[in-house]
PDB file of all heavy atoms in Angstrom:
ATOM      1  N   ILE A   1     -20.074   1.806  22.758  1.00  0.00           N
ATOM      2  CA  ILE A   1     -19.151   0.619  22.661  1.00  0.00           C
ATOM      3  C   ILE A   1     -18.338   0.424  23.943  1.00  0.00           C
ATOM      4  O   ILE A   1     -18.208  -0.622  24.513  1.00  0.00           O
ATOM      5  CB  ILE A   1     -18.270   0.806  21.491  1.00  0.00           C
ATOM      6  CG1 ILE A   1     -19.056   0.758  20.208  1.00  0.00           C
ATOM      7  CG2 ILE A   1     -17.083  -0.240  21.460  1.00  0.00           C
ATOM      8  CD1 ILE A   1     -18.249   1.201  18.959  1.00  0.00           C
ATOM      9  N   LEU A   2     -17.843   1.576  24.487  1.00  0.00           N
ATOM     10  CA  LEU A   2     -17.051   1.495  25.722  1.00  0.00           C
ATOM     11  C   LEU A   2     -17.892   0.981  26.883  1.00  0.00           C
ATOM     12  O   LEU A   2     -17.520   0.227  27.690  1.00  0.00           O
ATOM     13  CB  LEU A   2     -16.428   2.881  26.045  1.00  0.00           C
ATOM     14  CG  LEU A   2     -15.474   2.980  27.238  1.00  0.00           C
ATOM     15  CD1 LEU A   2     -14.382   1.902  27.128  1.00  0.00           C
ATOM     16  CD2 LEU A   2     -14.902   4.380  27.213  1.00  0.00           C
ATOM     17  N   SER A   3     -19.136   1.519  26.985  1.00  0.00           N
ATOM     18  CA  SER A   3     -20.043   1.095  28.012  1.00  0.00           C
ATOM     19  C   SER A   3     -20.282  -0.434  27.885  1.00  0.00           C
ATOM     20  O   SER A   3     -20.351  -1.173  28.871  1.00  0.00           O
ATOM     21  CB  SER A   3     -21.464   1.842  27.817  1.00  0.00           C
ATOM     22  OG  SER A   3     -21.291   3.152  28.086  1.00  0.00           O
ATOM     23  N   PHE A   4     -20.537  -0.892  26.673  1.00  0.00           N
ATOM     24  CA  PHE A   4     -20.716  -2.323  26.451  1.00  0.00           C
ATOM     25  C   PHE A   4     -19.507  -3.111  26.929  1.00  0.00           C
ATOM     26  O   PHE A   4     -19.624  -4.129  27.540  1.00  0.00           O
ATOM     27  CB  PHE A   4     -21.056  -2.627  25.009  1.00  0.00           C
ATOM     28  CG  PHE A   4     -21.411  -4.085  24.704  1.00  0.00           C
ATOM     29  CD1 PHE A   4     -22.539  -4.599  25.130  1.00  0.00           C
ATOM     30  CD2 PHE A   4     -20.512  -4.845  23.950  1.00  0.00           C
ATOM     31  CE1 PHE A   4     -22.821  -5.942  24.916  1.00  0.00           C
ATOM     32  CE2 PHE A   4     -20.785  -6.147  23.719  1.00  0.00           C
ATOM     33  CZ  PHE A   4     -21.951  -6.766  24.147  1.00  0.00           C
ATOM     34  N   ILE A   5     -18.304  -2.619  26.567  1.00  0.00           N
ATOM     35  CA  ILE A   5     -17.092  -3.326  26.910  1.00  0.00           C
ATOM     36  C   ILE A   5     -16.969  -3.416  28.440  1.00  0.00           C
ATOM     37  O   ILE A   5     -16.590  -4.351  29.063  1.00  0.00           O
ATOM     38  CB  ILE A   5     -15.869  -2.623  26.306  1.00  0.00           C
ATOM     39  CG1 ILE A   5     -15.813  -2.846  24.804  1.00  0.00           C
ATOM     40  CG2 ILE A   5     -14.541  -3.107  26.950  1.00  0.00           C
ATOM     41  CD1 ILE A   5     -14.888  -1.997  23.998  1.00  0.00           C
ATOM     42  N   LEU A   6     -17.269  -2.329  29.150  1.00  0.00           N
ATOM     43  CA  LEU A   6     -17.229  -2.243  30.577  1.00  0.00           C
ATOM     44  C   LEU A   6     -18.185  -3.265  31.196  1.00  0.00           C
ATOM     45  O   LEU A   6     -17.874  -4.007  32.167  1.00  0.00           O
ATOM     46  CB  LEU A   6     -17.562  -0.872  31.181  1.00  0.00           C
ATOM     47  CG  LEU A   6     -16.475   0.170  30.968  1.00  0.00           C
ATOM     48  CD1 LEU A   6     -17.011   1.511  31.229  1.00  0.00           C
ATOM     49  CD2 LEU A   6     -15.271  -0.205  31.668  1.00  0.00           C
ATOM     50  N   VAL A   7     -19.348  -3.444  30.605  1.00  0.00           N
ATOM     51  CA  VAL A   7     -20.347  -4.456  31.083  1.00  0.00           C
ATOM     52  C   VAL A   7     -19.760  -5.857  30.902  1.00  0.00           C
ATOM     53  O   VAL A   7     -19.829  -6.763  31.794  1.00  0.00           O
ATOM     54  CB  VAL A   7     -21.733  -4.260  30.445  1.00  0.00           C
ATOM     55  CG1 VAL A   7     -22.643  -5.444  30.787  1.00  0.00           C
ATOM     56  CG2 VAL A   7     -22.361  -3.002  30.846  1.00  0.00           C
ATOM     57  N   LEU A   8     -19.145  -6.095  29.710  1.00  0.00           N
ATOM     58  CA  LEU A   8     -18.513  -7.384  29.423  1.00  0.00           C
ATOM     59  C   LEU A   8     -17.382  -7.624  30.444  1.00  0.00           C
ATOM     60  O   LEU A   8     -17.301  -8.808  30.896  1.00  0.00           O
ATOM     61  CB  LEU A   8     -17.979  -7.423  28.045  1.00  0.00           C
ATOM     62  CG  LEU A   8     -19.000  -7.431  26.925  1.00  0.00           C
ATOM     63  CD1 LEU A   8     -18.374  -7.501  25.548  1.00  0.00           C
ATOM     64  CD2 LEU A   8     -20.046  -8.597  27.028  1.00  0.00           C
ATOM     65  N   ILE A   9     -16.659  -6.624  30.757  1.00  0.00           N
ATOM     66  CA  ILE A   9     -15.533  -6.882  31.751  1.00  0.00           C
ATOM     67  C   ILE A   9     -16.184  -7.276  33.117  1.00  0.00           C
ATOM     68  O   ILE A   9     -15.727  -8.197  33.828  1.00  0.00           O
ATOM     69  CB  ILE A   9     -14.743  -5.622  31.884  1.00  0.00           C
ATOM     70  CG1 ILE A   9     -13.872  -5.447  30.613  1.00  0.00           C
ATOM     71  CG2 ILE A   9     -13.835  -5.761  33.147  1.00  0.00           C
ATOM     72  CD1 ILE A   9     -13.132  -4.108  30.517  1.00  0.00           C
ATOM     73  N   GLY A  10     -17.293  -6.621  33.496  1.00  0.00           N
ATOM     74  CA  GLY A  10     -18.016  -6.900  34.671  1.00  0.00           C
ATOM     75  C   GLY A  10     -18.496  -8.380  34.680  1.00  0.00           C
ATOM     76  O   GLY A  10     -18.405  -9.053  35.699  1.00  0.00           O
ATOM     77  N   ILE A  11     -19.014  -8.869  33.519  1.00  0.00           N
ATOM     78  CA  ILE A  11     -19.428 -10.266  33.362  1.00  0.00           C
ATOM     79  C   ILE A  11     -18.211 -11.161  33.627  1.00  0.00           C
ATOM     80  O   ILE A  11     -18.300 -12.180  34.292  1.00  0.00           O
ATOM     81  CB  ILE A  11     -20.140 -10.458  32.033  1.00  0.00           C
ATOM     82  CG1 ILE A  11     -21.444  -9.730  31.929  1.00  0.00           C
ATOM     83  CG2 ILE A  11     -20.328 -12.005  31.757  1.00  0.00           C
ATOM     84  CD1 ILE A  11     -22.117  -9.679  30.610  1.00  0.00           C
ATOM     85  N   LEU A  12     -17.138 -10.829  33.002  1.00  0.00           N
ATOM     86  CA  LEU A  12     -15.959 -11.701  33.116  1.00  0.00           C
ATOM     87  C   LEU A  12     -15.432 -11.712  34.560  1.00  0.00           C
ATOM     88  O   LEU A  12     -14.987 -12.805  34.993  1.00  0.00           O
ATOM     89  CB  LEU A  12     -14.817 -11.214  32.169  1.00  0.00           C
ATOM     90  CG  LEU A  12     -15.040 -11.449  30.705  1.00  0.00           C
ATOM     91  CD1 LEU A  12     -14.010 -10.739  29.830  1.00  0.00           C
ATOM     92  CD2 LEU A  12     -15.230 -12.844  30.392  1.00  0.00           C
ATOM     93  N   ILE A  13     -15.457 -10.604  35.282  1.00  0.00           N
ATOM     94  CA  ILE A  13     -14.978 -10.645  36.629  1.00  0.00           C
ATOM     95  C   ILE A  13     -15.911 -11.479  37.530  1.00  0.00           C
ATOM     96  O   ILE A  13     -15.442 -12.160  38.495  1.00  0.00           O
ATOM     97  CB  ILE A  13     -14.918  -9.126  37.149  1.00  0.00           C
ATOM     98  CG1 ILE A  13     -13.814  -8.423  36.448  1.00  0.00           C
ATOM     99  CG2 ILE A  13     -14.737  -9.097  38.658  1.00  0.00           C
ATOM    100  CD1 ILE A  13     -13.835  -6.849  36.742  1.00  0.00           C
ATOM    101  N   ASN A  14     -17.195 -11.544  37.156  1.00  0.00           N
ATOM    102  CA  ASN A  14     -18.092 -12.404  37.886  1.00  0.00           C
ATOM    103  C   ASN A  14     -18.207 -12.199  39.377  1.00  0.00           C
ATOM    104  O   ASN A  14     -18.091 -13.052  40.121  1.00  0.00           O
ATOM    105  CB  ASN A  14     -17.852 -13.874  37.537  1.00  0.00           C
ATOM    106  CG  ASN A  14     -18.989 -14.798  37.849  1.00  0.00           C
ATOM    107  OD1 ASN A  14     -20.095 -14.473  37.666  1.00  0.00           O
ATOM    108  ND2 ASN A  14     -18.663 -15.993  38.276  1.00  0.00           N
ATOM    109  N   ASN A  15     -18.462 -10.878  39.708  1.00  0.00           N
ATOM    110  CA  ASN A  15     -18.590 -10.522  41.132  1.00  0.00           C
ATOM    111  C   ASN A  15     -20.005  -9.941  41.303  1.00  0.00           C
ATOM    112  O   ASN A  15     -20.436  -9.003  40.568  1.00  0.00           O
ATOM    113  CB  ASN A  15     -17.496  -9.486  41.467  1.00  0.00           C
ATOM    114  CG  ASN A  15     -17.596  -8.994  42.892  1.00  0.00           C
ATOM    115  OD1 ASN A  15     -18.586  -8.223  43.236  1.00  0.00           O
ATOM    116  ND2 ASN A  15     -16.682  -9.358  43.729  1.00  0.00           N
ATOM    117  N   TYR A  16     -20.672 -10.411  42.360  1.00  0.00           N
ATOM    118  CA  TYR A  16     -22.091  -9.965  42.472  1.00  0.00           C
ATOM    119  C   TYR A  16     -22.197  -8.461  42.766  1.00  0.00           C
ATOM    120  O   TYR A  16     -23.208  -7.884  42.365  1.00  0.00           O
ATOM    121  CB  TYR A  16     -22.822 -10.769  43.496  1.00  0.00           C
ATOM    122  CG  TYR A  16     -22.287 -10.602  44.930  1.00  0.00           C
ATOM    123  CD1 TYR A  16     -22.829  -9.722  45.807  1.00  0.00           C
ATOM    124  CD2 TYR A  16     -21.263 -11.432  45.409  1.00  0.00           C
ATOM    125  CE1 TYR A  16     -22.383  -9.519  47.134  1.00  0.00           C
ATOM    126  CE2 TYR A  16     -20.798 -11.314  46.738  1.00  0.00           C
ATOM    127  CZ  TYR A  16     -21.395 -10.334  47.480  1.00  0.00           C
ATOM    128  OH  TYR A  16     -20.835 -10.147  48.820  1.00  0.00           O
ATOM    129  N   LEU A  17     -21.269  -7.916  43.523  1.00  0.00           N
ATOM    130  CA  LEU A  17     -21.189  -6.492  43.770  1.00  0.00           C
ATOM    131  C   LEU A  17     -21.093  -5.630  42.483  1.00  0.00           C
ATOM    132  O   LEU A  17     -21.757  -4.711  42.223  1.00  0.00           O
ATOM    133  CB  LEU A  17     -20.133  -6.079  44.769  1.00  0.00           C
ATOM    134  CG  LEU A  17     -20.255  -6.738  46.134  1.00  0.00           C
ATOM    135  CD1 LEU A  17     -19.073  -6.413  46.960  1.00  0.00           C
ATOM    136  CD2 LEU A  17     -21.491  -6.137  46.879  1.00  0.00           C
ATOM    137  N   ILE A  18     -20.143  -6.136  41.637  1.00  0.00           N
ATOM    138  CA  ILE A  18     -19.911  -5.359  40.405  1.00  0.00           C
ATOM    139  C   ILE A  18     -21.188  -5.601  39.529  1.00  0.00           C
ATOM    140  O   ILE A  18     -21.583  -4.590  38.891  1.00  0.00           O
ATOM    141  CB  ILE A  18     -18.609  -5.855  39.756  1.00  0.00           C
ATOM    142  CG1 ILE A  18     -17.420  -5.516  40.604  1.00  0.00           C
ATOM    143  CG2 ILE A  18     -18.498  -5.337  38.323  1.00  0.00           C
ATOM    144  CD1 ILE A  18     -16.105  -6.078  40.127  1.00  0.00           C
ATOM    145  N   SER A  19     -21.613  -6.747  39.436  1.00  0.00           N
ATOM    146  CA  SER A  19     -22.785  -7.054  38.573  1.00  0.00           C
ATOM    147  C   SER A  19     -23.998  -6.125  39.025  1.00  0.00           C
ATOM    148  O   SER A  19     -24.682  -5.563  38.172  1.00  0.00           O
ATOM    149  CB  SER A  19     -23.237  -8.529  38.621  1.00  0.00           C
ATOM    150  OG  SER A  19     -22.127  -9.313  38.127  1.00  0.00           O
ATOM    151  N   ALA A  20     -24.272  -6.151  40.280  1.00  0.00           N
ATOM    152  CA  ALA A  20     -25.429  -5.421  40.757  1.00  0.00           C
ATOM    153  C   ALA A  20     -25.265  -3.915  40.531  1.00  0.00           C
ATOM    154  O   ALA A  20     -26.241  -3.189  40.184  1.00  0.00           O
ATOM    155  CB  ALA A  20     -25.692  -5.699  42.249  1.00  0.00           C
ATOM    156  N   SER A  21     -24.065  -3.406  40.749  1.00  0.00           N
ATOM    157  CA  SER A  21     -23.734  -1.967  40.553  1.00  0.00           C
ATOM    158  C   SER A  21     -23.916  -1.571  39.151  1.00  0.00           C
ATOM    159  O   SER A  21     -24.573  -0.547  38.818  1.00  0.00           O
ATOM    160  CB  SER A  21     -22.381  -1.664  41.025  1.00  0.00           C
ATOM    161  OG  SER A  21     -22.188  -1.915  42.449  1.00  0.00           O
ATOM    162  N   ILE A  22     -23.392  -2.397  38.248  1.00  0.00           N
ATOM    163  CA  ILE A  22     -23.592  -2.153  36.803  1.00  0.00           C
ATOM    164  C   ILE A  22     -25.034  -2.193  36.362  1.00  0.00           C
ATOM    165  O   ILE A  22     -25.500  -1.391  35.582  1.00  0.00           O
ATOM    166  CB  ILE A  22     -22.704  -3.183  36.008  1.00  0.00           C
ATOM    167  CG1 ILE A  22     -21.176  -2.809  36.154  1.00  0.00           C
ATOM    168  CG2 ILE A  22     -23.078  -3.198  34.548  1.00  0.00           C
ATOM    169  CD1 ILE A  22     -20.266  -3.712  35.566  1.00  0.00           C
ATOM    170  N   LEU A  23     -25.791  -3.211  36.890  1.00  0.00           N
ATOM    171  CA  LEU A  23     -27.210  -3.225  36.585  1.00  0.00           C
ATOM    172  C   LEU A  23     -27.886  -2.018  37.062  1.00  0.00           C
ATOM    173  O   LEU A  23     -28.761  -1.433  36.321  1.00  0.00           O
ATOM    174  CB  LEU A  23     -27.843  -4.466  37.182  1.00  0.00           C
ATOM    175  CG  LEU A  23     -29.332  -4.643  37.007  1.00  0.00           C
ATOM    176  CD1 LEU A  23     -29.676  -4.657  35.561  1.00  0.00           C
ATOM    177  CD2 LEU A  23     -29.970  -5.800  37.833  1.00  0.00           C
ATOM    178  N   MET A  24     -27.545  -1.519  38.227  1.00  0.00           N
ATOM    179  CA  MET A  24     -28.239  -0.350  38.766  1.00  0.00           C
ATOM    180  C   MET A  24     -27.984   0.871  37.834  1.00  0.00           C
ATOM    181  O   MET A  24     -28.896   1.603  37.450  1.00  0.00           O
ATOM    182  CB  MET A  24     -27.760  -0.104  40.187  1.00  0.00           C
ATOM    183  CG  MET A  24     -28.669   0.872  40.994  1.00  0.00           C
ATOM    184  SD  MET A  24     -30.437   0.344  41.098  1.00  0.00           S
ATOM    185  CE  MET A  24     -30.227  -1.265  41.821  1.00  0.00           C
ATOM    186  N   GLN A  25     -26.775   1.040  37.439  1.00  0.00           N
ATOM    187  CA  GLN A  25     -26.350   2.085  36.532  1.00  0.00           C
ATOM    188  C   GLN A  25     -27.069   1.900  35.131  1.00  0.00           C
ATOM    189  O   GLN A  25     -27.506   2.859  34.634  1.00  0.00           O
ATOM    190  CB  GLN A  25     -24.855   2.274  36.354  1.00  0.00           C
ATOM    191  CG  GLN A  25     -24.432   3.153  35.267  1.00  0.00           C
ATOM    192  CD  GLN A  25     -25.046   4.527  35.258  1.00  0.00           C
ATOM    193  OE1 GLN A  25     -25.368   5.067  36.367  1.00  0.00           O
ATOM    194  NE2 GLN A  25     -25.217   5.109  34.095  1.00  0.00           N
ATOM    195  N   SER A  26     -27.122   0.643  34.705  1.00  0.00           N
ATOM    196  CA  SER A  26     -27.772   0.483  33.436  1.00  0.00           C
ATOM    197  C   SER A  26     -29.240   0.737  33.399  1.00  0.00           C
ATOM    198  O   SER A  26     -29.781   1.266  32.492  1.00  0.00           O
ATOM    199  CB  SER A  26     -27.647  -1.087  33.027  1.00  0.00           C
ATOM    200  OG  SER A  26     -26.280  -1.390  32.873  1.00  0.00           O
ATOM    201  N   LEU A  27     -29.926   0.495  34.654  1.00  0.00           N
ATOM    202  CA  LEU A  27     -31.362   0.901  34.738  1.00  0.00           C
ATOM    203  C   LEU A  27     -31.471   2.347  34.730  1.00  0.00           C
ATOM    204  O   LEU A  27     -32.522   2.861  34.275  1.00  0.00           O
ATOM    205  CB  LEU A  27     -31.879   0.325  36.005  1.00  0.00           C
ATOM    206  CG  LEU A  27     -32.015  -1.237  36.029  1.00  0.00           C
ATOM    207  CD1 LEU A  27     -32.310  -1.782  37.478  1.00  0.00           C
ATOM    208  CD2 LEU A  27     -33.115  -1.664  35.080  1.00  0.00           C
ATOM    209  N   LEU A  28     -30.463   3.161  35.200  1.00  0.00           N
ATOM    210  CA  LEU A  28     -30.590   4.596  35.178  1.00  0.00           C
ATOM    211  C   LEU A  28     -30.455   5.195  33.658  1.00  0.00           C
ATOM    212  O   LEU A  28     -30.656   6.348  33.604  1.00  0.00           O
ATOM    213  CB  LEU A  28     -29.598   5.134  36.061  1.00  0.00           C
ATOM    214  CG  LEU A  28     -29.765   4.923  37.590  1.00  0.00           C
ATOM    215  CD1 LEU A  28     -28.629   5.463  38.391  1.00  0.00           C
ATOM    216  CD2 LEU A  28     -31.106   5.566  38.052  1.00  0.00           C
ATOM    217  N   LEU A  29     -30.088   4.396  32.813  1.00  0.00           N
ATOM    218  CA  LEU A  29     -30.003   4.747  31.392  1.00  0.00           C
ATOM    219  C   LEU A  29     -31.403   4.972  30.757  1.00  0.00           C
ATOM    220  O   LEU A  29     -31.579   5.703  29.787  1.00  0.00           O
ATOM    221  CB  LEU A  29     -29.190   3.827  30.580  1.00  0.00           C
ATOM    222  CG  LEU A  29     -27.712   3.623  31.006  1.00  0.00           C
ATOM    223  CD1 LEU A  29     -27.090   2.510  30.160  1.00  0.00           C
ATOM    224  CD2 LEU A  29     -26.935   4.883  30.913  1.00  0.00           C
ATOM    225  N   ILE A  30     -32.331   4.268  31.326  1.00  0.00           N
ATOM    226  CA  ILE A  30     -33.687   4.159  30.683  1.00  0.00           C
ATOM    227  C   ILE A  30     -34.383   5.508  30.877  1.00  0.00           C
ATOM    228  O   ILE A  30     -34.488   5.928  32.056  1.00  0.00           O
ATOM    229  CB  ILE A  30     -34.540   3.065  31.259  1.00  0.00           C
ATOM    230  CG1 ILE A  30     -33.841   1.742  31.043  1.00  0.00           C
ATOM    231  CG2 ILE A  30     -35.980   3.127  30.684  1.00  0.00           C
ATOM    232  CD1 ILE A  30     -34.562   0.556  31.793  1.00  0.00           C
ATOM    233  N   SER A  31     -34.814   6.149  29.825  1.00  0.00           N
ATOM    234  CA  SER A  31     -35.433   7.414  29.978  1.00  0.00           C
ATOM    235  C   SER A  31     -36.909   7.236  29.734  1.00  0.00           C
ATOM    236  O   SER A  31     -37.370   6.644  28.644  1.00  0.00           O
ATOM    237  CB  SER A  31     -34.886   8.376  28.888  1.00  0.00           C
ATOM    238  OG  SER A  31     -35.675   9.559  28.856  1.00  0.00           O
ATOM    239  N   LEU A  32     -37.669   7.683  30.640  1.00  0.00           N
ATOM    240  CA  LEU A  32     -39.192   7.515  30.479  1.00  0.00           C
ATOM    241  C   LEU A  32     -39.764   8.598  29.509  1.00  0.00           C
ATOM    242  O   LEU A  32     -40.853   8.511  29.150  1.00  0.00           O
ATOM    243  CB  LEU A  32     -39.841   7.711  31.860  1.00  0.00           C
ATOM    244  CG  LEU A  32     -39.397   6.702  32.898  1.00  0.00           C
ATOM    245  CD1 LEU A  32     -40.071   6.979  34.286  1.00  0.00           C
ATOM    246  CD2 LEU A  32     -39.722   5.319  32.455  1.00  0.00           C
ATOM    247  N   LYS A  33     -38.861   9.559  29.115  1.00  0.00           N
ATOM    248  CA  LYS A  33     -39.321  10.539  28.144  1.00  0.00           C
ATOM    249  C   LYS A  33     -38.910  10.238  26.721  1.00  0.00           C
ATOM    250  O   LYS A  33     -39.014  11.035  25.796  1.00  0.00           O
ATOM    251  CB  LYS A  33     -38.671  11.940  28.493  1.00  0.00           C
ATOM    252  CG  LYS A  33     -39.114  12.449  29.832  1.00  0.00           C
ATOM    253  CD  LYS A  33     -38.457  13.744  30.132  1.00  0.00           C
ATOM    254  CE  LYS A  33     -38.727  14.156  31.526  1.00  0.00           C
ATOM    255  NZ  LYS A  33     -37.910  15.330  31.896  1.00  0.00           N
ATOM    256  N   GLY A  34     -38.403   9.023  26.480  1.00  0.00           N
ATOM    257  CA  GLY A  34     -37.902   8.693  25.147  1.00  0.00           C
ATOM    258  C   GLY A  34     -36.469   8.602  24.955  1.00  0.00           C
ATOM    259  O   GLY A  34     -35.925   7.913  24.092  1.00  0.00           O
ATOM    260  N   GLY A  35     -35.630   9.396  25.760  1.00  0.00           N
ATOM    261  CA  GLY A  35     -34.240   9.355  25.618  1.00  0.00           C
ATOM    262  C   GLY A  35     -33.641   9.916  24.391  1.00  0.00           C
ATOM    263  O   GLY A  35     -34.296  10.458  23.541  1.00  0.00           O
TER     264      GLY A  35
END
């Protein structure tokens, strides 16, 4: 929930640096082993 709220805050800030950094971290959440 907190992670989702942080992403929403990033969307509201509407800054390409924040958006791209959050996306990069979000991609690192994906586990190829099933997670």
